[in-house]
C-alpha atoms as a PDB file:
ATOM      1  CA  MET A   1     -20.645 -21.405  42.631  1.00  0.00           C
ATOM      2  CA  PHE A   2     -21.103 -18.201  40.583  1.00  0.00           C
ATOM      3  CA  SER A   3     -24.429 -16.410  40.367  1.00  0.00           C
ATOM      4  CA  ALA A   4     -26.300 -16.172  37.081  1.00  0.00           C
ATOM      5  CA  LYS A   5     -25.839 -12.394  37.085  1.00  0.00           C
ATOM      6  CA  PHE A   6     -22.062 -12.764  37.475  1.00  0.00           C
ATOM      7  CA  LYS A   7     -21.944 -15.254  34.578  1.00  0.00           C
ATOM      8  CA  VAL A   8     -23.890 -12.873  32.310  1.00  0.00           C
ATOM      9  CA  VAL A   9     -21.609  -9.949  33.208  1.00  0.00           C
ATOM     10  CA  ALA A  10     -18.487 -12.083  32.678  1.00  0.00           C
ATOM     11  CA  ALA A  11     -19.753 -13.404  29.333  1.00  0.00           C
ATOM     12  CA  SER A  12     -20.630  -9.868  28.206  1.00  0.00           C
ATOM     13  CA  PHE A  13     -17.171  -8.652  29.227  1.00  0.00           C
ATOM     14  CA  LEU A  14     -15.426 -11.465  27.331  1.00  0.00           C
ATOM     15  CA  LEU A  15     -17.560 -10.857  24.238  1.00  0.00           C
ATOM     16  CA  ALA A  16     -16.784  -7.130  24.318  1.00  0.00           C
ATOM     17  CA  LEU A  17     -13.073  -7.825  24.811  1.00  0.00           C
ATOM     18  CA  SER A  18     -12.881 -10.295  21.927  1.00  0.00           C
ATOM     19  CA  SER A  19     -14.835  -7.908  19.684  1.00  0.00           C
ATOM     20  CA  SER A  20     -12.414  -5.098  20.539  1.00  0.00           C
ATOM     21  CA  ILE A  21      -9.405  -7.267  19.750  1.00  0.00           C
ATOM     22  CA  TYR A  22     -10.941  -8.337  16.430  1.00  0.00           C
ATOM     23  CA  ALA A  23     -11.808  -4.729  15.541  1.00  0.00           C
ATOM     24  CA  ALA A  24      -8.286  -3.556  16.353  1.00  0.00           C
ATOM     25  CA  SER A  25      -6.702  -6.235  14.172  1.00  0.00           C
ATOM     26  CA  THR A  26      -9.128  -5.458  11.348  1.00  0.00           C
ATOM     27  CA  MET A  27      -8.434  -1.724  11.605  1.00  0.00           C
ATOM     28  CA  GLU A  28      -4.708  -2.387  11.419  1.00  0.00           C
ATOM     29  CA  LYS A  29      -5.224  -4.438   8.264  1.00  0.00           C
ATOM     30  CA  VAL A  30      -7.504  -1.791   6.734  1.00  0.00           C
ATOM     31  CA  GLY A  31      -4.984   0.905   7.678  1.00  0.00           C
ATOM     32  CA  GLN A  32      -2.234  -0.993   5.891  1.00  0.00           C
ATOM     33  CA  ASP A  33      -4.389  -1.397   2.798  1.00  0.00           C
ATOM     34  CA  PHE A  34      -5.202   2.292   2.837  1.00  0.00           C
ATOM     35  CA  SER A  35      -1.541   3.138   3.255  1.00  0.00           C
ATOM     36  CA  ASP A  36      -0.589   0.966   0.282  1.00  0.00           C
ATOM     37  CA  THR A  37      -3.405   2.470  -1.765  1.00  0.00           C
ATOM     38  CA  GLY A  38      -2.306   5.955  -0.744  1.00  0.00           C
ATOM     39  CA  ILE A  39       1.287   5.232  -1.750  1.00  0.00           C
ATOM     40  CA  THR A  40       0.189   3.936  -5.155  1.00  0.00           C
ATOM     41  CA  ALA A  41      -2.017   6.999  -5.658  1.00  0.00           C
ATOM     42  CA  SER A  42       0.835   9.337  -4.674  1.00  0.00           C
ATOM     43  CA  VAL A  43       3.251   7.673  -7.099  1.00  0.00           C
ATOM     44  CA  MET A  44       0.699   7.857  -9.906  1.00  0.00           C
ATOM     45  CA  ALA A  45      -0.017  11.515  -9.110  1.00  0.00           C
ATOM     46  CA  LEU A  46       3.683  12.305  -9.481  1.00  0.00           C
ATOM     47  CA  TYR A  47       3.741  10.442 -12.792  1.00  0.00           C
ATOM     48  CA  VAL A  48       0.757  12.449 -14.046  1.00  0.00           C
ATOM     49  CA  LYS A  49       2.464  15.731 -13.092  1.00  0.00           C
ATOM     50  CA  ASP A  50       5.643  14.743 -14.915  1.00  0.00           C
ATOM     51  CA  THR A  51       5.222  15.454 -18.622  1.00  0.00           C
ATOM     52  CA  THR A  52       8.034  13.092 -19.657  1.00  0.00           C
ATOM     53  CA  LEU A  53       6.305   9.933 -18.372  1.00  0.00           C
ATOM     54  CA  ASN A  54       3.480   8.095 -20.100  1.00  0.00           C
ATOM     55  CA  ILE A  55       1.352   6.830 -17.205  1.00  0.00           C
ATOM     56  CA  PHE A  56      -0.338   4.290 -19.450  1.00  0.00           C
ATOM     57  CA  LYS A  57       2.946   2.430 -19.881  1.00  0.00           C
ATOM     58  CA  ILE A  58       3.837   2.079 -16.193  1.00  0.00           C
ATOM     59  CA  ASN A  59       1.949  -0.141 -13.767  1.00  0.00           C
ATOM     60  CA  VAL A  60       2.291   0.638 -10.049  1.00  0.00           C
ATOM     61  CA  GLU A  61       1.403  -1.781  -7.242  1.00  0.00           C
ATOM     62  CA  THR A  62       2.175  -1.421  -3.541  1.00  0.00           C
ATOM     63  CA  THR A  63       2.233  -4.171  -0.927  1.00  0.00           C
ATOM     64  CA  ASN A  64       3.330  -3.498   2.656  1.00  0.00           C
ATOM     65  CA  GLY A  65       5.052  -0.288   1.556  1.00  0.00           C
ATOM     66  CA  VAL A  66       7.025  -1.940  -1.257  1.00  0.00           C
ATOM     67  CA  VAL A  67       6.264  -0.370  -4.631  1.00  0.00           C
ATOM     68  CA  THR A  68       6.526  -2.622  -7.689  1.00  0.00           C
ATOM     69  CA  LEU A  69       6.883  -0.947 -11.066  1.00  0.00           C
ATOM     70  CA  SER A  70       6.200  -2.860 -14.265  1.00  0.00           C
ATOM     71  CA  GLY A  71       5.743  -2.061 -17.918  1.00  0.00           C
ATOM     72  CA  THR A  72       7.915  -0.633 -20.669  1.00  0.00           C
ATOM     73  CA  VAL A  73       9.168   2.943 -20.970  1.00  0.00           C
ATOM     74  CA  ASP A  74      10.715   4.518 -24.064  1.00  0.00           C
ATOM     75  CA  THR A  75      14.026   5.770 -22.668  1.00  0.00           C
ATOM     76  CA  GLN A  76      16.547   5.238 -19.888  1.00  0.00           C
ATOM     77  CA  GLU A  77      15.704   8.740 -18.635  1.00  0.00           C
ATOM     78  CA  GLU A  78      12.031   7.785 -18.228  1.00  0.00           C
ATOM     79  CA  TYR A  79      13.109   4.614 -16.410  1.00  0.00           C
ATOM     80  CA  GLN A  80      15.276   6.553 -13.957  1.00  0.00           C
ATOM     81  CA  LYS A  81      12.601   9.213 -13.472  1.00  0.00           C
ATOM     82  CA  ALA A  82       9.906   6.616 -12.725  1.00  0.00           C
ATOM     83  CA  VAL A  83      12.094   4.892 -10.123  1.00  0.00           C
ATOM     84  CA  SER A  84      13.235   8.157  -8.563  1.00  0.00           C
ATOM     85  CA  LEU A  85       9.717   9.541  -8.223  1.00  0.00           C
ATOM     86  CA  ALA A  86       8.463   6.310  -6.651  1.00  0.00           C
ATOM     87  CA  GLN A  87      11.328   6.363  -4.145  1.00  0.00           C
ATOM     88  CA  SER A  88      10.475   9.946  -3.169  1.00  0.00           C
ATOM     89  CA  VAL A  89       6.978   9.143  -1.843  1.00  0.00           C
ATOM     90  CA  ASP A  90       6.511   9.087   1.936  1.00  0.00           C
ATOM     91  CA  GLY A  91       5.886   5.624   3.309  1.00  0.00           C
ATOM     92  CA  VAL A  92       7.754   3.776   0.558  1.00  0.00           C
ATOM     93  CA  LYS A  93      10.025   1.157   2.107  1.00  0.00           C
ATOM     94  CA  ALA A  94      11.521  -0.050  -1.175  1.00  0.00           C
ATOM     95  CA  VAL A  95      10.972   0.065  -4.920  1.00  0.00           C
ATOM     96  CA  ASN A  96      11.090  -3.122  -6.973  1.00  0.00           C
ATOM     97  CA  TYR A  97      11.807  -2.057 -10.552  1.00  0.00           C
ATOM     98  CA  SER A  98      12.978  -5.392 -11.966  1.00  0.00           C
ATOM     99  CA  GLN A  99       9.777  -5.639 -14.044  1.00  0.00           C
ATOM    100  CA  LEU A 100      10.149  -2.147 -15.528  1.00  0.00           C
ATOM    101  CA  LYS A 101      11.872  -2.323 -18.894  1.00  0.00           C
ATOM    102  CA  VAL A 102      13.286   0.160 -21.409  1.00  0.00           C
ATOM    103  CA  LYS A 103      11.980  -0.325 -24.948  1.00  0.00           C
ATOM    104  CA  SER A 104      14.609  -1.688 -27.320  1.00  0.00           C
ATOM    105  CA  GLN A 105      15.697   0.796 -29.942  1.00  0.00           C
END
């Protein structure tokens, strides 16, 4: 019914199309990872610039634009500053700070 040449062209077209779809979905995933990594890096950069925060006491993780802060800070002011700086970064959808604690006096 179809010539051999037509079948080869059709198979090549379908292979190229499926490869393009796979590449696009992979690029979207990589772009999201890069965005999350970029957000985490931006938050940490702000923490480094701020002399009141000890960056070794605050852990920052980002997943799908949601920043999670964990660790223990010394004062309520450091706690508020850490949350505020994280919220100020472009691309942040929300900040989960339930795992960030203030050291007991």
